[in-house]
Amino acid sequence: MELLLRRGAEIRSQIQQQGLKMPFAEVLELHTGDVQAMGQKPITFLRQVSAACTYTPLLKDPNLPSDVKQRARSILASCPYNSIGCYGEPAGIRMVRNSVANYLQRRDGGIPADPENIFLFNGTLRAFALIYSFLMMKGNSKRMGILVPAPSSPDGWRFITLLDGVALPYQLDEESGWMVRSEELRRVLKEGCGSCCPMALCVVNPGSLTGHVMDRACMERIIRFAASERLLLLAEEGHPEDVYSGNLQLLSYKKVLHEMGPEFSSVVEFISFNSVSRGHIGESGVRGCFVEVLNMDPAVQYYFRQMVGTFVSCSLPSQIAMEVATNPPDPGDPSYPLFQAALGQPPDVFYCLRLLQDTGYMLGPGEEFGQKDGTAHFRMTFALPIEELTLALEKIADFHQRFIAEFS
């Protein structure tokens, strides 16, 4: 990926600064999940509330909708000294955690969510880093191992390695729509026990690279495996609003866990992650994330809370974004209509380099993300405006036909 980024920067500089004529006008980084970099406009309501909380004279501005002002006043009233410039509660201000709890209850069809089990972080990776550190403090003589999906983002793997842990990648089964096979989990766990102490199983749903959505059967297999092996289940999950197909239903692991009964719902240690970076919210630079913890020993959870407050207390601007993401305007509110409007190289690297050179589109080669040996994939996000996305897909399809004709 570094090679592609470097070459992309070179081409961009040649076009913009040297006037080089290419078959395209600009380099577009279609491999990234940064949706605003792809042209998606920020949500007005979120930005207006954030602005009013940051610069309070805007609360008297007649151009701001009344529901924006009311939301900003409520948030400020929940902040120490009515200012987002003060230190907040370690786990996050109560109002935001209440909004997250209500969102989770709506998402899961009424299954209760306790604000005391919710923690706010500056991004999913920051939350993962703290939890990895927390697990490593259990004092096992072996290095800690965590089962992680492949293909997936390498960022989490790097964190595990930096903390002297061991990433144990299990391959998603492409033939079955990138689902998880029990045999693969058992194989990876058995092999991992020789070099480390496996303590957790990480899942990502929807798949951040593959785009797949896990079905209930797959989720139940994973939960049963985590229960039988006494593994902490770590689930990075998305918003149901981000699934754009009537044929797919994004179930939460908490809902499936609950519906499997007390044998699992009261036993499996579970931590769920959700952020404002991806999908329809698309505020990657804000770095907002919430975590829900289930079945953690109360004494351990108390210590976990202290760690959160001491090392990684979430910034209040990030919490504002999370408040709006989980508690959007209701029908009838002034802001509701606008809120609704949102060579000698691996073959995949070679393919992506040729595509970049010919079209200006930068994709992510699958070898960067832990794809299965002997396969070739690329990652492309779909965050462009529909007109630009349609054009991009047409150009990529045309390139693909030419590429196949040349090299097959």
Protein backbone atom coordinates (compact mmCIF):
# COMPACT_ATOMS: atom_id res chain seq x y z
CA MET A 1 0.00 0.00 0.00
CA GLU A 2 2.89 2.35 0.72
CA LEU A 3 4.08 1.92 -2.88
CA LEU A 4 0.65 2.88 -4.20
CA LEU A 5 0.34 5.90 -1.91
CA ARG A 6 3.79 7.12 -2.90
CA ARG A 7 3.08 6.68 -6.62
CA GLY A 8 -0.32 8.34 -6.23
CA ALA A 9 1.28 11.35 -4.55
CA GLU A 10 3.84 11.56 -7.37
CA ILE A 11 1.14 11.53 -10.04
CA ARG A 12 -0.95 14.10 -8.13
CA SER A 13 2.09 16.39 -7.88
CA GLN A 14 2.91 15.94 -11.56
CA ILE A 15 -0.63 16.91 -12.55
CA GLN A 16 -1.09 19.83 -10.16
CA GLN A 17 2.39 21.35 -10.06
CA GLN A 18 4.05 20.29 -13.30
CA GLY A 19 1.04 20.35 -15.59
CA LEU A 20 1.58 16.77 -16.74
CA LYS A 21 -1.13 15.61 -19.12
CA MET A 22 -2.71 12.33 -18.06
CA PRO A 23 -5.85 10.48 -19.21
CA PHE A 24 -7.50 11.78 -16.00
CA ALA A 25 -7.67 15.08 -14.13
CA GLU A 26 -7.07 13.94 -10.56
CA VAL A 27 -6.12 11.01 -8.33
CA LEU A 28 -9.03 9.66 -6.30
CA GLU A 29 -8.23 7.36 -3.37
CA LEU A 30 -11.04 4.84 -3.68
CA HIS A 31 -9.40 2.47 -1.20
CA THR A 32 -10.07 4.61 1.85
CA GLY A 33 -13.06 4.62 4.18
CA ASP A 34 -12.74 8.37 4.71
CA VAL A 35 -16.09 9.26 3.16
CA GLN A 36 -15.69 13.03 3.33
CA ALA A 37 -12.42 12.72 1.43
CA MET A 38 -14.56 11.07 -1.25
CA GLY A 39 -16.92 14.03 -1.46
CA GLN A 40 -19.65 13.13 1.04
CA LYS A 41 -20.85 16.30 2.70
CA PRO A 42 -20.88 16.48 6.52
CA ILE A 43 -24.24 16.27 8.27
CA THR A 44 -25.45 19.82 8.83
CA PHE A 45 -27.24 19.13 12.12
CA LEU A 46 -24.12 17.55 13.62
CA ARG A 47 -21.88 20.43 12.54
CA GLN A 48 -24.39 23.04 13.73
CA VAL A 49 -24.72 21.47 17.18
CA SER A 50 -20.94 21.13 17.45
CA ALA A 51 -20.46 24.75 16.41
CA ALA A 52 -23.00 26.04 18.93
CA CYS A 53 -21.39 24.03 21.74
CA THR A 54 -17.95 25.31 20.80
CA TYR A 55 -18.90 28.96 20.17
CA THR A 56 -21.87 29.66 22.45
CA PRO A 57 -22.81 33.09 20.99
CA LEU A 58 -24.31 31.07 18.13
CA LEU A 59 -27.08 30.06 20.53
CA LYS A 60 -28.50 33.55 19.93
CA ASP A 61 -28.15 33.35 16.15
CA PRO A 62 -31.63 33.50 14.54
CA ASN A 63 -30.35 31.51 11.57
CA LEU A 64 -29.81 28.35 13.64
CA PRO A 65 -32.83 26.03 13.88
CA SER A 66 -34.49 25.84 17.28
CA ASP A 67 -33.80 22.12 17.71
CA VAL A 68 -30.08 22.73 17.12
CA LYS A 69 -30.04 25.33 19.90
CA GLN A 70 -31.99 23.11 22.26
CA ARG A 71 -29.68 20.15 21.68
CA ALA A 72 -26.59 22.31 22.20
CA ARG A 73 -27.99 23.75 25.45
CA SER A 74 -28.76 20.25 26.73
CA ILE A 75 -25.25 19.05 25.95
CA LEU A 76 -23.66 22.09 27.58
CA ALA A 77 -25.83 21.63 30.66
CA SER A 78 -24.41 18.10 30.94
CA CYS A 79 -20.81 19.34 30.73
CA PRO A 80 -18.86 20.47 33.80
CA TYR A 81 -19.27 24.23 34.19
CA ASN A 82 -21.37 24.28 30.99
CA SER A 83 -18.26 24.18 28.83
CA ILE A 84 -16.77 21.61 26.48
CA GLY A 85 -13.36 22.97 27.45
CA CYS A 86 -13.51 21.30 30.88
CA TYR A 87 -12.62 17.74 31.82
CA GLY A 88 -15.58 15.40 31.53
CA GLU A 89 -16.63 12.19 33.28
CA PRO A 90 -14.11 9.35 32.72
CA ALA A 91 -16.55 7.11 30.83
CA GLY A 92 -18.21 9.99 28.98
CA ILE A 93 -20.84 12.53 29.99
CA ARG A 94 -24.05 10.95 31.21
CA MET A 95 -26.31 12.53 28.61
CA VAL A 96 -24.35 11.00 25.74
CA ARG A 97 -24.15 7.58 27.38
CA ASN A 98 -27.91 7.72 27.94
CA SER A 99 -28.41 8.53 24.25
CA VAL A 100 -26.16 5.62 23.27
CA ALA A 101 -28.10 3.29 25.61
CA ASN A 102 -31.43 4.40 24.11
CA TYR A 103 -30.03 3.93 20.60
CA LEU A 104 -28.90 0.39 21.43
CA GLN A 105 -32.30 -0.43 22.91
CA ARG A 106 -34.05 0.81 19.76
CA ARG A 107 -31.57 -1.05 17.55
CA ASP A 108 -32.08 -4.34 19.38
CA GLY A 109 -35.86 -4.26 19.62
CA GLY A 110 -36.15 -3.33 23.28
CA ILE A 111 -33.29 -5.32 24.82
CA PRO A 112 -32.16 -3.14 27.75
CA ALA A 113 -28.86 -1.24 27.65
CA ASP A 114 -27.28 0.16 30.81
CA PRO A 115 -25.39 3.48 30.51
CA GLU A 116 -23.04 2.19 33.22
CA ASN A 117 -21.82 -0.43 30.74
CA ILE A 118 -21.07 2.18 28.06
CA PHE A 119 -17.72 3.93 27.58
CA LEU A 120 -16.78 6.63 25.07
CA PHE A 121 -13.41 6.76 23.30
CA ASN A 122 -11.54 8.85 20.73
CA GLY A 123 -11.85 6.22 18.01
CA THR A 124 -12.12 2.44 17.80
CA LEU A 125 -8.35 1.88 17.68
CA ARG A 126 -7.90 3.82 20.92
CA ALA A 127 -10.54 1.61 22.54
CA PHE A 128 -8.90 -1.55 21.17
CA ALA A 129 -5.51 -0.42 22.43
CA LEU A 130 -6.80 0.07 25.97
CA ILE A 131 -8.57 -3.28 26.00
CA TYR A 132 -5.49 -5.09 24.68
CA SER A 133 -3.43 -3.42 27.41
CA PHE A 134 -6.05 -4.39 29.98
CA LEU A 135 -6.00 -8.04 28.90
CA MET A 136 -2.22 -8.15 29.05
CA MET A 137 -2.29 -7.08 32.70
CA LYS A 138 -3.78 -10.42 33.74
CA GLY A 139 -0.24 -11.67 34.28
CA ASN A 140 -0.14 -14.86 32.18
CA SER A 141 3.40 -16.08 31.64
CA LYS A 142 2.75 -16.47 27.89
CA ARG A 143 2.17 -13.64 25.44
CA MET A 144 -1.47 -12.76 24.87
CA GLY A 145 -3.07 -13.97 21.64
CA ILE A 146 -6.13 -12.53 19.89
CA LEU A 147 -7.92 -14.21 17.00
CA VAL A 148 -8.49 -11.63 14.25
CA PRO A 149 -10.29 -11.94 10.90
CA ALA A 150 -8.42 -11.97 7.59
CA PRO A 151 -8.80 -10.11 5.38
CA SER A 152 -9.25 -7.09 7.62
CA SER A 153 -7.55 -3.78 8.39
CA PRO A 154 -3.94 -4.30 9.54
CA ASP A 155 -4.20 -1.49 12.12
CA GLY A 156 -5.55 -3.74 14.85
CA TRP A 157 -2.86 -6.34 14.17
CA ARG A 158 -0.19 -3.67 14.55
CA PHE A 159 -1.57 -2.64 17.93
CA ILE A 160 -1.43 -6.23 19.17
CA THR A 161 2.17 -6.56 18.00
CA LEU A 162 3.20 -3.22 19.50
CA LEU A 163 1.81 -4.38 22.85
CA ASP A 164 3.87 -7.58 22.59
CA GLY A 165 0.81 -9.66 21.86
CA VAL A 166 0.23 -12.18 19.07
CA ALA A 167 -2.31 -11.66 16.27
CA LEU A 168 -3.83 -14.99 15.24
CA PRO A 169 -5.50 -14.45 11.83
CA TYR A 170 -8.36 -16.74 10.88
CA GLN A 171 -9.35 -16.75 7.22
CA LEU A 172 -12.87 -15.73 6.26
CA ASP A 173 -14.40 -18.17 3.79
CA GLU A 174 -14.88 -16.30 0.51
CA GLU A 175 -16.83 -19.16 -1.11
CA SER A 176 -19.59 -18.85 1.51
CA GLY A 177 -19.80 -15.06 1.34
CA TRP A 178 -16.92 -14.38 3.77
CA MET A 179 -18.54 -16.22 6.66
CA VAL A 180 -16.55 -17.81 9.52
CA ARG A 181 -16.02 -21.59 9.63
CA SER A 182 -15.76 -23.30 13.02
CA GLU A 183 -13.00 -25.58 11.75
CA GLU A 184 -10.88 -22.55 10.86
CA LEU A 185 -11.32 -21.06 14.33
CA ARG A 186 -10.35 -24.37 15.96
CA ARG A 187 -7.30 -24.70 13.71
CA VAL A 188 -6.04 -21.20 14.51
CA LEU A 189 -6.70 -21.60 18.23
CA LYS A 190 -4.84 -24.93 18.37
CA GLU A 191 -1.84 -23.56 16.49
CA GLY A 192 -1.82 -20.38 18.56
CA CYS A 193 -1.69 -22.21 21.89
CA GLY A 194 1.85 -23.26 21.12
CA SER A 195 3.21 -19.72 21.07
CA CYS A 196 0.79 -17.67 23.19
CA CYS A 197 -2.25 -17.68 25.42
CA PRO A 198 -5.32 -16.93 23.25
CA MET A 199 -7.65 -14.73 25.27
CA ALA A 200 -10.02 -13.02 22.83
CA LEU A 201 -11.80 -13.46 19.50
CA CYS A 202 -12.33 -10.38 17.34
CA VAL A 203 -15.09 -10.09 14.70
CA VAL A 204 -16.00 -7.25 12.32
CA ASN A 205 -19.58 -6.93 11.07
CA PRO A 206 -20.17 -5.67 8.43
CA GLY A 207 -16.76 -6.63 7.07
CA SER A 208 -14.84 -3.38 6.68
CA LEU A 209 -12.96 -4.70 3.64
CA THR A 210 -15.17 -7.42 2.23
CA GLY A 211 -18.47 -5.62 2.75
CA HIS A 212 -20.19 -8.83 3.85
CA VAL A 213 -22.90 -8.97 6.51
CA MET A 214 -22.85 -11.99 8.82
CA ASP A 215 -25.96 -14.15 8.95
CA ARG A 216 -27.43 -15.40 12.21
CA ALA A 217 -26.05 -18.92 11.81
CA CYS A 218 -22.50 -17.59 11.46
CA MET A 219 -22.90 -15.33 14.49
CA GLU A 220 -24.25 -18.17 16.60
CA ARG A 221 -21.27 -20.37 15.61
CA ILE A 222 -18.89 -17.66 16.74
CA ILE A 223 -20.71 -17.13 20.04
CA ARG A 224 -20.75 -20.87 20.79
CA PHE A 225 -17.04 -21.09 20.00
CA ALA A 226 -16.22 -18.12 22.26
CA ALA A 227 -18.28 -19.68 25.05
CA SER A 228 -16.73 -23.14 24.74
CA GLU A 229 -13.18 -21.78 24.68
CA ARG A 230 -13.81 -19.07 27.30
CA LEU A 231 -12.68 -16.30 24.96
CA LEU A 232 -13.60 -12.64 25.32
CA LEU A 233 -15.69 -11.73 22.26
CA LEU A 234 -14.74 -8.38 20.70
CA ALA A 235 -17.18 -7.18 18.03
CA GLU A 236 -16.58 -4.14 15.84
CA GLU A 237 -20.07 -3.42 14.54
CA GLY A 238 -21.70 -0.97 12.16
CA HIS A 239 -24.97 0.92 12.03
CA PRO A 240 -28.05 -0.83 10.55
CA GLU A 241 -28.57 2.35 8.48
CA ASP A 242 -25.33 1.57 6.62
CA VAL A 243 -26.69 -1.61 4.97
CA TYR A 244 -28.12 -0.59 1.62
CA SER A 245 -29.90 -3.76 0.55
CA GLY A 246 -33.36 -4.99 1.36
CA ASN A 247 -32.04 -8.56 1.24
CA LEU A 248 -29.63 -8.04 4.13
CA GLN A 249 -30.34 -7.55 7.82
CA LEU A 250 -27.58 -6.32 10.08
CA LEU A 251 -28.04 -8.11 13.39
CA SER A 252 -26.09 -7.02 16.43
CA TYR A 253 -24.11 -9.60 18.37
CA LYS A 254 -25.84 -8.46 21.55
CA LYS A 255 -29.26 -9.24 20.06
CA VAL A 256 -28.18 -12.68 18.86
CA LEU A 257 -26.48 -13.36 22.20
CA HIS A 258 -29.66 -12.38 24.06
CA GLU A 259 -31.87 -14.56 21.87
CA MET A 260 -29.62 -17.60 22.42
CA GLY A 261 -30.72 -17.58 26.05
CA PRO A 262 -29.05 -17.25 29.48
CA GLU A 263 -26.70 -20.16 28.76
CA PHE A 264 -24.82 -17.68 26.56
CA SER A 265 -26.21 -14.19 27.25
CA SER A 266 -25.25 -14.27 30.93
CA VAL A 267 -21.90 -16.04 30.48
CA VAL A 268 -20.03 -14.84 27.38
CA GLU A 269 -17.81 -11.86 28.13
CA PHE A 270 -18.55 -9.42 25.34
CA ILE A 271 -17.39 -5.97 24.22
CA SER A 272 -19.00 -4.20 21.27
CA PHE A 273 -17.46 -1.25 19.38
CA ASN A 274 -19.22 1.30 17.19
CA SER A 275 -17.87 4.53 15.71
CA VAL A 276 -18.89 7.70 13.87
CA SER A 277 -16.17 7.25 11.24
CA ARG A 278 -17.90 4.93 8.81
CA GLY A 279 -21.14 4.91 6.89
CA HIS A 280 -23.77 7.62 6.87
CA ILE A 281 -22.22 9.63 9.74
CA GLY A 282 -18.79 9.72 8.08
CA GLU A 283 -16.92 11.87 10.61
CA SER A 284 -13.55 10.09 10.47
CA GLY A 285 -11.57 13.05 11.77
CA VAL A 286 -13.75 13.45 14.86
CA ARG A 287 -12.59 10.06 16.20
CA GLY A 288 -15.71 9.16 18.17
CA CYS A 289 -16.43 5.62 19.40
CA PHE A 290 -18.65 3.98 21.99
CA VAL A 291 -18.04 0.65 23.68
CA GLU A 292 -20.62 -1.52 25.46
CA VAL A 293 -19.35 -4.08 27.96
CA LEU A 294 -21.37 -7.15 29.00
CA ASN A 295 -20.73 -9.84 31.62
CA MET A 296 -17.55 -8.26 32.93
CA ASP A 297 -16.88 -8.91 36.61
CA PRO A 298 -17.98 -5.74 38.55
CA ALA A 299 -14.61 -5.39 40.27
CA VAL A 300 -12.81 -5.75 36.96
CA GLN A 301 -15.18 -3.27 35.31
CA TYR A 302 -14.52 -0.75 38.08
CA TYR A 303 -10.78 -0.99 37.40
CA PHE A 304 -11.44 -0.78 33.66
CA ARG A 305 -13.38 2.46 34.26
CA GLN A 306 -10.44 3.90 36.16
CA MET A 307 -8.08 3.04 33.30
CA VAL A 308 -10.39 4.73 30.81
CA GLY A 309 -10.48 7.93 32.83
CA THR A 310 -6.76 7.96 33.55
CA PHE A 311 -5.37 7.26 30.09
CA VAL A 312 -7.90 7.76 27.30
CA SER A 313 -10.83 9.90 28.46
CA CYS A 314 -12.81 10.87 25.37
CA SER A 315 -12.73 14.48 24.17
CA LEU A 316 -16.03 16.33 24.46
CA PRO A 317 -16.21 17.31 20.75
CA SER A 318 -16.08 13.58 19.94
CA GLN A 319 -18.87 12.97 22.43
CA ILE A 320 -21.03 15.62 20.75
CA ALA A 321 -20.71 13.74 17.46
CA MET A 322 -21.68 10.51 19.19
CA GLU A 323 -24.70 12.21 20.77
CA VAL A 324 -26.00 13.34 17.39
CA ALA A 325 -25.16 10.01 15.71
CA THR A 326 -27.19 8.02 18.24
CA ASN A 327 -29.91 10.61 18.83
CA PRO A 328 -30.71 12.21 15.45
CA PRO A 329 -33.53 14.71 14.85
CA ASP A 330 -37.05 13.28 15.04
CA PRO A 331 -39.76 13.67 12.38
CA GLY A 332 -41.28 17.10 12.83
CA ASP A 333 -38.10 18.72 14.12
CA PRO A 334 -36.86 21.68 12.02
CA SER A 335 -33.60 19.87 11.16
CA TYR A 336 -35.18 16.51 10.28
CA PRO A 337 -35.67 16.99 6.48
CA LEU A 338 -32.08 18.12 5.89
CA PHE A 339 -30.70 15.37 8.13
CA GLN A 340 -32.40 12.71 5.98
CA ALA A 341 -31.21 14.14 2.51
CA ALA A 342 -26.88 11.72 3.27
CA LEU A 343 5.86 -6.28 -12.27
CA GLY A 344 7.71 -8.88 -9.88
CA GLN A 345 4.94 -7.54 -7.72
CA PRO A 346 1.95 -9.30 -6.19
CA PRO A 347 -0.82 -9.42 -8.82
CA ASP A 348 -3.23 -7.28 -6.83
CA VAL A 349 -0.57 -4.59 -6.25
CA PHE A 350 0.33 -4.65 -9.95
CA TYR A 351 -3.35 -4.40 -10.89
CA CYS A 352 -3.90 -1.43 -8.57
CA LEU A 353 -0.77 0.34 -9.82
CA ARG A 354 -1.87 -0.06 -13.45
CA LEU A 355 -5.35 1.17 -12.57
CA LEU A 356 -3.87 4.21 -10.81
CA GLN A 357 -1.63 4.98 -13.76
CA ASP A 358 -4.45 4.63 -16.31
CA THR A 359 -7.43 6.15 -14.47
CA GLY A 360 -6.26 8.06 -11.41
CA TYR A 361 -8.30 5.77 -9.15
CA MET A 362 -6.43 4.38 -6.14
CA LEU A 363 -7.68 1.06 -4.78
CA GLY A 364 -6.35 -0.95 -1.87
CA PRO A 365 -4.60 -4.24 -2.82
CA GLY A 366 -5.88 -7.25 -0.91
CA GLU A 367 -2.40 -8.37 0.13
CA GLU A 368 -2.34 -5.38 2.47
CA PHE A 369 -5.23 -6.77 4.49
CA GLY A 370 -4.38 -10.42 5.04
CA GLN A 371 -6.16 -12.10 2.14
CA LYS A 372 -5.83 -15.85 1.71
CA ASP A 373 -2.63 -16.98 -0.03
CA GLY A 374 -3.10 -17.63 -3.72
CA THR A 375 -5.99 -15.17 -4.09
CA ALA A 376 -6.09 -11.57 -5.33
CA HIS A 377 -8.54 -8.86 -4.33
CA PHE A 378 -8.77 -5.13 -4.10
CA ARG A 379 -10.60 -2.86 -1.70
CA MET A 380 -12.86 -0.09 -2.95
CA THR A 381 -15.24 1.98 -0.87
CA PHE A 382 -18.51 3.33 -2.20
CA ALA A 383 -18.49 6.72 -0.52
CA LEU A 384 -18.43 8.83 -3.69
CA PRO A 385 -21.53 10.77 -4.75
CA ILE A 386 -23.67 8.53 -6.94
CA GLU A 387 -22.81 10.31 -10.20
CA GLU A 388 -19.06 10.08 -9.58
CA LEU A 389 -19.37 6.50 -8.32
CA THR A 390 -21.21 5.46 -11.47
CA LEU A 391 -18.49 7.02 -13.62
CA ALA A 392 -15.75 5.39 -11.52
CA LEU A 393 -17.32 1.95 -11.83
CA GLU A 394 -17.67 2.38 -15.59
CA LYS A 395 -14.01 3.38 -15.94
CA ILE A 396 -12.84 0.54 -13.68
CA ALA A 397 -14.92 -1.96 -15.66
CA ASP A 398 -13.42 -0.64 -18.91
CA PHE A 399 -9.90 -0.85 -17.45
CA HIS A 400 -10.55 -4.38 -16.23
CA GLN A 401 -11.52 -5.57 -19.70
CA ARG A 402 -8.37 -4.04 -21.17
CA PHE A 403 -6.23 -5.46 -18.38
CA ILE A 404 -7.61 -8.99 -18.88
CA ALA A 405 -7.18 -8.75 -22.64
CA GLU A 406 -3.53 -7.72 -22.17
CA PHE A 407 -2.46 -10.20 -19.47
CA SER A 408 -4.71 -13.26 -19.78
